């Protein structure tokens, strides 16, 4: 996971914690299960922008944006679904 994606996950966790501490635990569990899913099935997310894929973190309103590289999946963004499409694309 990139540094920026990690920061986005932390920001989301902090937001959830400020509203309901039990929600942050569920968000982290959902993020963990999504990463485990991608480790086993890297192409399970839908095709997205700029050779990326995205996987919904439902029931949370976030996407997990990632790239498939040789022998690994790199998570490059965790945007809220309301954020502008592709806002992360300039991170090269």
C-alpha atoms as a PDB file:
ATOM      1  CA  UNK A   1       0.000   0.000   0.000  1.00  0.00           C
ATOM      2  CA  UNK A   2       1.410   3.388  -0.925  1.00  0.00           C
ATOM      3  CA  UNK A   3       2.082   6.021   1.727  1.00  0.00           C
ATOM      4  CA  UNK A   4      -0.783   8.164   0.416  1.00  0.00           C
ATOM      5  CA  UNK A   5      -3.248   5.248   0.393  1.00  0.00           C
ATOM      6  CA  UNK A   6      -2.208   4.378   3.939  1.00  0.00           C
ATOM      7  CA  UNK A   7      -2.855   8.003   4.968  1.00  0.00           C
ATOM      8  CA  UNK A   8      -6.295   7.902   3.325  1.00  0.00           C
ATOM      9  CA  UNK A   9      -7.151   4.734   5.244  1.00  0.00           C
ATOM     10  CA  UNK A  10      -5.987   6.389   8.476  1.00  0.00           C
ATOM     11  CA  UNK A  11      -8.041   9.521   7.756  1.00  0.00           C
ATOM     12  CA  UNK A  12     -11.147   7.405   7.148  1.00  0.00           C
ATOM     13  CA  UNK A  13     -10.489   5.465  10.356  1.00  0.00           C
ATOM     14  CA  UNK A  14     -10.144   8.667  12.358  1.00  0.00           C
ATOM     15  CA  UNK A  15     -13.377  10.020  10.900  1.00  0.00           C
ATOM     16  CA  UNK A  16     -15.249   6.826  11.778  1.00  0.00           C
ATOM     17  CA  UNK A  17     -13.718   6.767  15.269  1.00  0.00           C
ATOM     18  CA  UNK A  18     -14.945  10.310  15.919  1.00  0.00           C
ATOM     19  CA  UNK A  19     -18.516   9.243  15.112  1.00  0.00           C
ATOM     20  CA  UNK A  20     -18.695   5.730  16.546  1.00  0.00           C
ATOM     21  CA  UNK A  21     -15.667   3.830  17.877  1.00  0.00           C
ATOM     22  CA  UNK A  22     -17.159   0.453  16.916  1.00  0.00           C
ATOM     23  CA  UNK A  23     -17.368   1.528  13.274  1.00  0.00           C
ATOM     24  CA  UNK A  24     -13.609   1.996  12.948  1.00  0.00           C
ATOM     25  CA  UNK A  25     -13.071  -1.646  13.874  1.00  0.00           C
ATOM     26  CA  UNK A  26     -15.535  -2.770  11.184  1.00  0.00           C
ATOM     27  CA  UNK A  27     -13.901  -0.478   8.608  1.00  0.00           C
ATOM     28  CA  UNK A  28     -10.456  -1.901   9.366  1.00  0.00           C
ATOM     29  CA  UNK A  29     -11.820  -5.452   9.167  1.00  0.00           C
ATOM     30  CA  UNK A  30     -13.397  -4.654   5.778  1.00  0.00           C
ATOM     31  CA  UNK A  31     -10.132  -3.181   4.515  1.00  0.00           C
ATOM     32  CA  UNK A  32      -8.244  -6.263   5.714  1.00  0.00           C
ATOM     33  CA  UNK A  33     -10.711  -8.630   4.037  1.00  0.00           C
ATOM     34  CA  UNK A  34     -10.452  -6.649   0.776  1.00  0.00           C
ATOM     35  CA  UNK A  35      -6.648  -6.942   0.848  1.00  0.00           C
ATOM     36  CA  UNK A  36      -6.934 -10.688   1.494  1.00  0.00           C
ATOM     37  CA  UNK A  37      -9.371 -10.996  -1.404  1.00  0.00           C
ATOM     38  CA  UNK A  38      -6.938  -9.222  -3.730  1.00  0.00           C
ATOM     39  CA  UNK A  39      -4.062 -11.398  -2.589  1.00  0.00           C
ATOM     40  CA  UNK A  40      -6.025 -14.460  -3.731  1.00  0.00           C
ATOM     41  CA  UNK A  41      -7.951 -12.936  -6.633  1.00  0.00           C
ATOM     42  CA  UNK A  42      -6.123  -9.836  -7.891  1.00  0.00           C
ATOM     43  CA  UNK A  43      -8.450  -9.358 -10.857  1.00  0.00           C
ATOM     44  CA  UNK A  44     -11.623  -9.417  -8.736  1.00  0.00           C
ATOM     45  CA  UNK A  45     -11.953  -5.638  -8.807  1.00  0.00           C
ATOM     46  CA  UNK A  46     -13.482  -3.940 -11.825  1.00  0.00           C
ATOM     47  CA  UNK A  47     -11.315  -2.267 -14.458  1.00  0.00           C
ATOM     48  CA  UNK A  48     -10.900   1.428 -13.766  1.00  0.00           C
ATOM     49  CA  UNK A  49      -8.814   4.390 -14.946  1.00  0.00           C
ATOM     50  CA  UNK A  50      -5.200   4.343 -16.144  1.00  0.00           C
ATOM     51  CA  UNK A  51      -4.612   0.592 -15.932  1.00  0.00           C
ATOM     52  CA  UNK A  52      -5.991   0.407 -12.410  1.00  0.00           C
ATOM     53  CA  UNK A  53      -8.764  -1.617 -10.855  1.00  0.00           C
ATOM     54  CA  UNK A  54     -11.141  -0.747  -8.052  1.00  0.00           C
ATOM     55  CA  UNK A  55     -12.880  -2.759  -5.393  1.00  0.00           C
ATOM     56  CA  UNK A  56     -15.779  -1.468  -3.335  1.00  0.00           C
ATOM     57  CA  UNK A  57     -15.309  -1.382   0.416  1.00  0.00           C
ATOM     58  CA  UNK A  58     -19.093  -1.670   0.919  1.00  0.00           C
ATOM     59  CA  UNK A  59     -20.879  -1.172   3.208  1.00  0.00           C
ATOM     60  CA  UNK A  60     -18.470   1.734   3.598  1.00  0.00           C
ATOM     61  CA  UNK A  61     -18.543   4.484   0.964  1.00  0.00           C
ATOM     62  CA  UNK A  62     -14.948   3.967  -0.172  1.00  0.00           C
ATOM     63  CA  UNK A  63     -13.145   2.397  -3.081  1.00  0.00           C
ATOM     64  CA  UNK A  64      -9.861   0.552  -2.948  1.00  0.00           C
ATOM     65  CA  UNK A  65      -7.946   1.611  -6.086  1.00  0.00           C
ATOM     66  CA  UNK A  66      -5.057  -0.664  -7.029  1.00  0.00           C
ATOM     67  CA  UNK A  67      -2.645  -1.778  -9.706  1.00  0.00           C
ATOM     68  CA  UNK A  68      -1.562  -5.305 -10.435  1.00  0.00           C
ATOM     69  CA  UNK A  69       2.205  -5.581 -10.724  1.00  0.00           C
ATOM     70  CA  UNK A  70       4.325  -8.658 -11.167  1.00  0.00           C
ATOM     71  CA  UNK A  71       3.687 -10.891  -8.162  1.00  0.00           C
ATOM     72  CA  UNK A  72       1.908  -8.198  -6.106  1.00  0.00           C
ATOM     73  CA  UNK A  73      -1.011  -5.828  -5.829  1.00  0.00           C
ATOM     74  CA  UNK A  74      -0.231  -2.177  -5.028  1.00  0.00           C
ATOM     75  CA  UNK A  75      -3.017  -0.179  -3.395  1.00  0.00           C
ATOM     76  CA  UNK A  76      -2.643   3.393  -4.612  1.00  0.00           C
ATOM     77  CA  UNK A  77      -5.742   5.132  -3.247  1.00  0.00           C
ATOM     78  CA  UNK A  78      -8.707   4.729  -0.928  1.00  0.00           C
ATOM     79  CA  UNK A  79     -11.057   7.508  -2.037  1.00  0.00           C
ATOM     80  CA  UNK A  80     -14.521   8.202  -0.705  1.00  0.00           C
ATOM     81  CA  UNK A  81     -17.108   7.428  -3.376  1.00  0.00           C
ATOM     82  CA  UNK A  82     -18.136  11.113  -3.453  1.00  0.00           C
ATOM     83  CA  UNK A  83     -14.629  12.291  -4.385  1.00  0.00           C
ATOM     84  CA  UNK A  84     -13.950  13.404  -7.921  1.00  0.00           C
ATOM     85  CA  UNK A  85     -13.320  10.465 -10.220  1.00  0.00           C
ATOM     86  CA  UNK A  86      -9.586   9.927 -10.731  1.00  0.00           C
ATOM     87  CA  UNK A  87      -8.450  12.604  -8.264  1.00  0.00           C
ATOM     88  CA  UNK A  88      -5.568  10.315  -7.376  1.00  0.00           C
ATOM     89  CA  UNK A  89      -4.401   9.852 -10.997  1.00  0.00           C
ATOM     90  CA  UNK A  90      -1.726  12.564 -10.788  1.00  0.00           C
ATOM     91  CA  UNK A  91       0.208  10.687  -8.089  1.00  0.00           C
ATOM     92  CA  UNK A  92       2.731   9.092 -10.467  1.00  0.00           C
END
